[in-house]
């Protein structure tokens, strides 16, 4: 039974660390860009969009389609950077032990 008790304590400690990590992630911001930096999208650690910056030169009437594509590309770039950051933080939390496939952060 001691092993079960130790496992429960470890699970509780991991849960507390996970909650602490989630709170910290809400405070970070990751920015992705497209078009050589002409469009930038900023996400917080939970994946919520916090800002969009667009170079005024892209505001020409005939450039709407290009602008839309660049916004999507910048958002995808920010998401890829955020996913990499989350994987890095999770690796720190788990001591480098990889989680089973399909198991992700709880948000």
N, C-alpha and C. Protein backbone atom coordinates (compact mmCIF):
# COMPACT_ATOMS: atom_id res chain seq x y z
N UNK A 1 0.81 -1.21 0.00
CA UNK A 1 0.00 0.00 0.00
C UNK A 1 0.85 1.27 0.00
N UNK A 2 2.09 1.17 0.45
CA UNK A 2 2.94 2.36 0.46
C UNK A 2 3.16 2.88 -0.95
N UNK A 3 3.33 1.97 -1.89
CA UNK A 3 3.54 2.38 -3.27
C UNK A 3 2.33 3.14 -3.81
N UNK A 4 1.13 2.67 -3.46
CA UNK A 4 -0.08 3.35 -3.89
C UNK A 4 -0.15 4.75 -3.28
N UNK A 5 0.21 4.85 -2.01
CA UNK A 5 0.23 6.14 -1.34
C UNK A 5 1.23 7.10 -1.99
N UNK A 6 2.39 6.57 -2.31
CA UNK A 6 3.40 7.39 -2.98
C UNK A 6 2.93 7.83 -4.36
N UNK A 7 2.28 6.92 -5.08
CA UNK A 7 1.77 7.25 -6.41
C UNK A 7 0.71 8.35 -6.33
N UNK A 8 -0.14 8.28 -5.33
CA UNK A 8 -1.17 9.31 -5.15
C UNK A 8 -0.54 10.66 -4.84
N UNK A 9 0.47 10.66 -3.99
CA UNK A 9 1.17 11.91 -3.66
C UNK A 9 1.84 12.50 -4.90
N UNK A 10 2.46 11.63 -5.70
CA UNK A 10 3.10 12.10 -6.93
C UNK A 10 2.08 12.66 -7.90
N UNK A 11 0.92 12.00 -8.00
CA UNK A 11 -0.14 12.48 -8.89
C UNK A 11 -0.66 13.84 -8.43
N UNK A 12 -0.80 14.02 -7.12
CA UNK A 12 -1.27 15.30 -6.60
C UNK A 12 -0.23 16.39 -6.84
N UNK A 13 1.04 16.06 -6.67
CA UNK A 13 2.11 17.03 -6.92
C UNK A 13 2.12 17.41 -8.40
N UNK A 14 1.96 16.44 -9.28
CA UNK A 14 1.92 16.71 -10.72
C UNK A 14 0.73 17.59 -11.07
N UNK A 15 -0.40 17.32 -10.43
CA UNK A 15 -1.60 18.12 -10.68
C UNK A 15 -1.37 19.57 -10.24
N UNK A 16 -0.73 19.77 -9.11
CA UNK A 16 -0.45 21.13 -8.63
C UNK A 16 0.51 21.84 -9.58
N UNK A 17 1.53 21.13 -10.06
CA UNK A 17 2.47 21.73 -11.01
C UNK A 17 1.77 22.08 -12.32
N UNK A 18 0.85 21.23 -12.75
CA UNK A 18 0.10 21.47 -13.99
C UNK A 18 -0.75 22.74 -13.84
N UNK A 19 -1.41 22.90 -12.71
CA UNK A 19 -2.22 24.09 -12.48
C UNK A 19 -1.35 25.34 -12.48
N UNK A 20 -0.18 25.25 -11.86
CA UNK A 20 0.76 26.37 -11.84
C UNK A 20 1.23 26.71 -13.26
N UNK A 21 1.52 25.68 -14.04
CA UNK A 21 1.97 25.89 -15.42
C UNK A 21 0.87 26.55 -16.25
N UNK A 22 -0.37 26.11 -16.08
CA UNK A 22 -1.48 26.69 -16.83
C UNK A 22 -1.65 28.17 -16.50
N UNK A 23 -1.52 28.52 -15.24
CA UNK A 23 -1.63 29.93 -14.85
C UNK A 23 -0.51 30.74 -15.49
N UNK A 24 0.68 30.19 -15.53
CA UNK A 24 1.80 30.88 -16.15
C UNK A 24 1.62 31.03 -17.65
N UNK A 25 1.06 30.02 -18.29
CA UNK A 25 0.85 30.07 -19.73
C UNK A 25 -0.14 31.15 -20.13
N UNK A 26 -1.11 31.42 -19.28
CA UNK A 26 -2.09 32.46 -19.59
C UNK A 26 -1.41 33.83 -19.69
N UNK A 27 -0.26 33.97 -19.07
CA UNK A 27 0.44 35.26 -19.07
C UNK A 27 1.42 35.42 -20.23
N UNK A 28 1.79 34.33 -20.90
CA UNK A 28 2.76 34.47 -21.99
C UNK A 28 2.05 34.88 -23.27
N UNK A 29 2.79 35.50 -24.17
CA UNK A 29 2.27 35.84 -25.48
C UNK A 29 3.26 35.39 -26.53
N UNK A 30 2.74 34.82 -27.60
CA UNK A 30 3.53 34.33 -28.72
C UNK A 30 3.04 35.05 -29.97
N UNK A 31 3.97 35.57 -30.76
CA UNK A 31 3.60 36.29 -31.98
C UNK A 31 4.09 35.53 -33.21
N UNK A 32 3.19 35.35 -34.15
CA UNK A 32 3.52 34.76 -35.44
C UNK A 32 3.42 35.83 -36.50
N UNK A 33 4.16 35.65 -37.59
CA UNK A 33 4.12 36.66 -38.63
C UNK A 33 4.07 36.03 -40.01
N UNK A 34 3.69 36.85 -40.98
CA UNK A 34 3.64 36.42 -42.37
C UNK A 34 3.92 37.63 -43.25
N UNK A 35 4.28 37.35 -44.49
CA UNK A 35 4.55 38.45 -45.43
C UNK A 35 5.74 39.28 -45.00
N UNK A 36 6.78 38.60 -44.50
CA UNK A 36 7.97 39.34 -44.08
C UNK A 36 7.71 40.27 -42.90
N UNK A 37 6.75 39.89 -42.06
CA UNK A 37 6.44 40.69 -40.88
C UNK A 37 5.37 41.75 -41.12
N UNK A 38 4.80 41.76 -42.31
CA UNK A 38 3.77 42.76 -42.62
C UNK A 38 2.46 42.49 -41.88
N UNK A 39 2.26 41.23 -41.50
CA UNK A 39 1.09 40.86 -40.69
C UNK A 39 1.60 40.06 -39.51
N UNK A 40 1.17 40.46 -38.29
CA UNK A 40 1.57 39.75 -37.07
C UNK A 40 0.32 39.45 -36.25
N UNK A 41 0.27 38.22 -35.74
CA UNK A 41 -0.84 37.79 -34.89
C UNK A 41 -0.24 37.34 -33.56
N UNK A 42 -0.82 37.82 -32.47
CA UNK A 42 -0.35 37.47 -31.13
C UNK A 42 -1.40 36.64 -30.41
N UNK A 43 -0.95 35.51 -29.86
CA UNK A 43 -1.82 34.62 -29.08
C UNK A 43 -1.28 34.55 -27.66
N UNK A 44 -2.18 34.30 -26.71
CA UNK A 44 -1.69 34.02 -25.36
C UNK A 44 -1.45 32.52 -25.25
N UNK A 45 -0.98 32.08 -24.10
CA UNK A 45 -0.62 30.68 -23.91
C UNK A 45 -1.79 29.72 -23.99
N UNK A 46 -3.00 30.24 -23.94
CA UNK A 46 -4.18 29.38 -24.06
C UNK A 46 -4.71 29.36 -25.49
N UNK A 47 -4.00 30.04 -26.40
CA UNK A 47 -4.41 30.05 -27.80
C UNK A 47 -5.40 31.13 -28.15
N UNK A 48 -5.70 32.02 -27.21
CA UNK A 48 -6.64 33.10 -27.48
C UNK A 48 -5.91 34.23 -28.20
N UNK A 49 -6.54 34.76 -29.25
CA UNK A 49 -5.92 35.84 -30.01
C UNK A 49 -5.96 37.13 -29.19
N UNK A 50 -4.80 37.76 -29.08
CA UNK A 50 -4.67 38.98 -28.30
C UNK A 50 -4.43 40.22 -29.15
N UNK A 51 -3.99 40.02 -30.39
CA UNK A 51 -3.75 41.20 -31.21
C UNK A 51 -3.39 40.84 -32.64
N UNK A 52 -3.66 41.79 -33.54
CA UNK A 52 -3.31 41.67 -34.95
C UNK A 52 -2.70 43.00 -35.36
N UNK A 53 -1.54 42.95 -36.00
CA UNK A 53 -0.89 44.15 -36.53
C UNK A 53 -0.78 43.97 -38.04
N UNK A 54 -1.21 44.99 -38.78
CA UNK A 54 -1.18 44.93 -40.23
C UNK A 54 -0.47 46.16 -40.76
N UNK A 55 0.50 45.94 -41.64
CA UNK A 55 1.22 47.03 -42.28
C UNK A 55 0.22 47.83 -43.11
N UNK A 56 0.17 49.15 -42.96
CA UNK A 56 -0.79 49.97 -43.71
C UNK A 56 -0.67 49.82 -45.23
N UNK A 57 0.50 49.43 -45.74
CA UNK A 57 0.67 49.24 -47.17
C UNK A 57 -0.18 48.12 -47.74
N UNK A 58 -0.69 47.24 -46.89
CA UNK A 58 -1.54 46.14 -47.34
C UNK A 58 -3.01 46.52 -47.43
N UNK A 59 -3.33 47.76 -47.13
CA UNK A 59 -4.73 48.18 -47.08
C UNK A 59 -5.30 48.63 -48.43
N UNK A 60 -4.61 48.38 -49.50
CA UNK A 60 -5.11 48.74 -50.82
C UNK A 60 -6.34 47.91 -51.16
N UNK A 61 -7.33 48.51 -51.83
CA UNK A 61 -8.58 47.79 -52.12
C UNK A 61 -8.39 46.47 -52.84
N UNK A 62 -7.44 46.36 -53.72
CA UNK A 62 -7.25 45.13 -54.47
C UNK A 62 -6.46 44.07 -53.72
N UNK A 63 -6.04 44.36 -52.52
CA UNK A 63 -5.20 43.45 -51.74
C UNK A 63 -5.95 42.69 -50.65
N UNK A 64 -7.25 42.74 -50.66
CA UNK A 64 -8.04 42.10 -49.59
C UNK A 64 -7.76 40.60 -49.50
N UNK A 65 -7.73 39.91 -50.63
CA UNK A 65 -7.47 38.47 -50.63
C UNK A 65 -6.09 38.14 -50.09
N UNK A 66 -5.11 38.94 -50.47
CA UNK A 66 -3.74 38.73 -49.98
C UNK A 66 -3.70 38.96 -48.48
N UNK A 67 -4.35 40.02 -48.03
CA UNK A 67 -4.39 40.34 -46.60
C UNK A 67 -5.04 39.21 -45.80
N UNK A 68 -6.14 38.68 -46.30
CA UNK A 68 -6.82 37.58 -45.61
C UNK A 68 -5.89 36.36 -45.50
N UNK A 69 -5.21 36.05 -46.59
CA UNK A 69 -4.28 34.91 -46.58
C UNK A 69 -3.14 35.13 -45.59
N UNK A 70 -2.62 36.35 -45.54
CA UNK A 70 -1.52 36.65 -44.63
C UNK A 70 -1.96 36.57 -43.17
N UNK A 71 -3.19 36.97 -42.88
CA UNK A 71 -3.69 36.88 -41.50
C UNK A 71 -3.79 35.42 -41.08
N UNK A 72 -4.30 34.58 -41.97
CA UNK A 72 -4.39 33.14 -41.67
C UNK A 72 -3.00 32.56 -41.47
N UNK A 73 -2.07 32.92 -42.36
CA UNK A 73 -0.70 32.39 -42.26
C UNK A 73 -0.03 32.84 -40.96
N UNK A 74 -0.22 34.09 -40.58
CA UNK A 74 0.37 34.59 -39.33
C UNK A 74 -0.25 33.90 -38.13
N UNK A 75 -1.56 33.66 -38.16
CA UNK A 75 -2.22 32.94 -37.08
C UNK A 75 -1.69 31.52 -36.96
N UNK A 76 -1.50 30.86 -38.09
CA UNK A 76 -0.97 29.50 -38.08
C UNK A 76 0.47 29.47 -37.58
N UNK A 77 1.26 30.49 -37.94
CA UNK A 77 2.64 30.58 -37.46
C UNK A 77 2.66 30.75 -35.94
N UNK A 78 1.79 31.61 -35.43
CA UNK A 78 1.71 31.82 -33.98
C UNK A 78 1.30 30.54 -33.28
N UNK A 79 0.34 29.82 -33.85
CA UNK A 79 -0.13 28.57 -33.23
C UNK A 79 0.98 27.51 -33.20
N UNK A 80 1.75 27.43 -34.29
CA UNK A 80 2.86 26.46 -34.33
C UNK A 80 3.90 26.80 -33.27
N UNK A 81 4.21 28.08 -33.11
CA UNK A 81 5.16 28.50 -32.08
C UNK A 81 4.61 28.21 -30.69
N UNK A 82 3.33 28.44 -30.50
CA UNK A 82 2.70 28.17 -29.21
C UNK A 82 2.73 26.68 -28.90
N UNK A 83 2.41 25.84 -29.89
CA UNK A 83 2.44 24.39 -29.68
C UNK A 83 3.84 23.93 -29.27
N UNK A 84 4.87 24.50 -29.91
CA UNK A 84 6.25 24.14 -29.57
C UNK A 84 6.57 24.56 -28.14
N UNK A 85 6.11 25.74 -27.75
CA UNK A 85 6.35 26.24 -26.39
C UNK A 85 5.64 25.36 -25.36
N UNK A 86 4.40 24.97 -25.67
CA UNK A 86 3.64 24.12 -24.76
C UNK A 86 4.32 22.76 -24.60
N UNK A 87 4.82 22.21 -25.70
CA UNK A 87 5.53 20.93 -25.63
C UNK A 87 6.78 21.05 -24.78
N UNK A 88 7.48 22.17 -24.91
CA UNK A 88 8.69 22.41 -24.11
C UNK A 88 8.34 22.50 -22.63
N UNK A 89 7.27 23.23 -22.31
CA UNK A 89 6.86 23.37 -20.91
C UNK A 89 6.39 22.04 -20.33
N UNK A 90 5.67 21.26 -21.13
CA UNK A 90 5.20 19.96 -20.67
C UNK A 90 6.37 19.02 -20.43
N UNK A 91 7.38 19.11 -21.28
CA UNK A 91 8.57 18.28 -21.11
C UNK A 91 9.27 18.60 -19.80
N UNK A 92 9.32 19.89 -19.45
CA UNK A 92 9.91 20.29 -18.17
C UNK A 92 9.10 19.71 -17.01
N UNK A 93 7.79 19.76 -17.15
CA UNK A 93 6.90 19.30 -16.09
C UNK A 93 7.00 17.79 -15.87
N UNK A 94 7.11 17.05 -16.96
CA UNK A 94 7.13 15.59 -16.86
C UNK A 94 8.54 15.03 -16.75
N UNK A 95 9.51 15.90 -16.69
CA UNK A 95 10.89 15.44 -16.57
C UNK A 95 11.40 14.78 -17.84
N UNK A 96 10.86 15.19 -18.99
CA UNK A 96 11.31 14.64 -20.26
C UNK A 96 10.58 13.38 -20.69
N UNK A 97 9.72 12.86 -19.83
CA UNK A 97 8.95 11.67 -20.19
C UNK A 97 7.83 12.10 -21.13
N UNK A 98 7.75 11.48 -22.29
CA UNK A 98 6.72 11.85 -23.25
C UNK A 98 5.38 11.28 -22.84
N UNK A 99 4.33 12.07 -23.10
CA UNK A 99 2.98 11.62 -22.80
C UNK A 99 2.52 10.65 -23.89
N UNK A 100 1.58 9.78 -23.55
CA UNK A 100 1.06 8.85 -24.57
C UNK A 100 0.42 9.63 -25.72
N UNK A 101 0.42 9.05 -26.93
CA UNK A 101 -0.18 9.74 -28.08
C UNK A 101 -1.63 10.14 -27.81
N UNK A 102 -1.98 11.34 -28.20
CA UNK A 102 -3.33 11.84 -28.01
C UNK A 102 -3.56 12.52 -26.67
N UNK A 103 -2.65 12.35 -25.74
CA UNK A 103 -2.80 12.99 -24.43
C UNK A 103 -2.16 14.37 -24.49
N UNK A 104 -2.97 15.39 -24.22
CA UNK A 104 -2.49 16.77 -24.32
C UNK A 104 -2.74 17.49 -23.02
N UNK A 105 -2.30 18.74 -23.01
CA UNK A 105 -2.60 19.58 -21.85
C UNK A 105 -4.11 19.67 -21.69
N UNK A 106 -4.58 19.86 -20.47
CA UNK A 106 -6.03 19.82 -20.25
C UNK A 106 -6.76 21.10 -20.63
N UNK A 107 -6.32 21.83 -21.65
CA UNK A 107 -7.09 22.98 -22.12
C UNK A 107 -7.00 23.10 -23.60
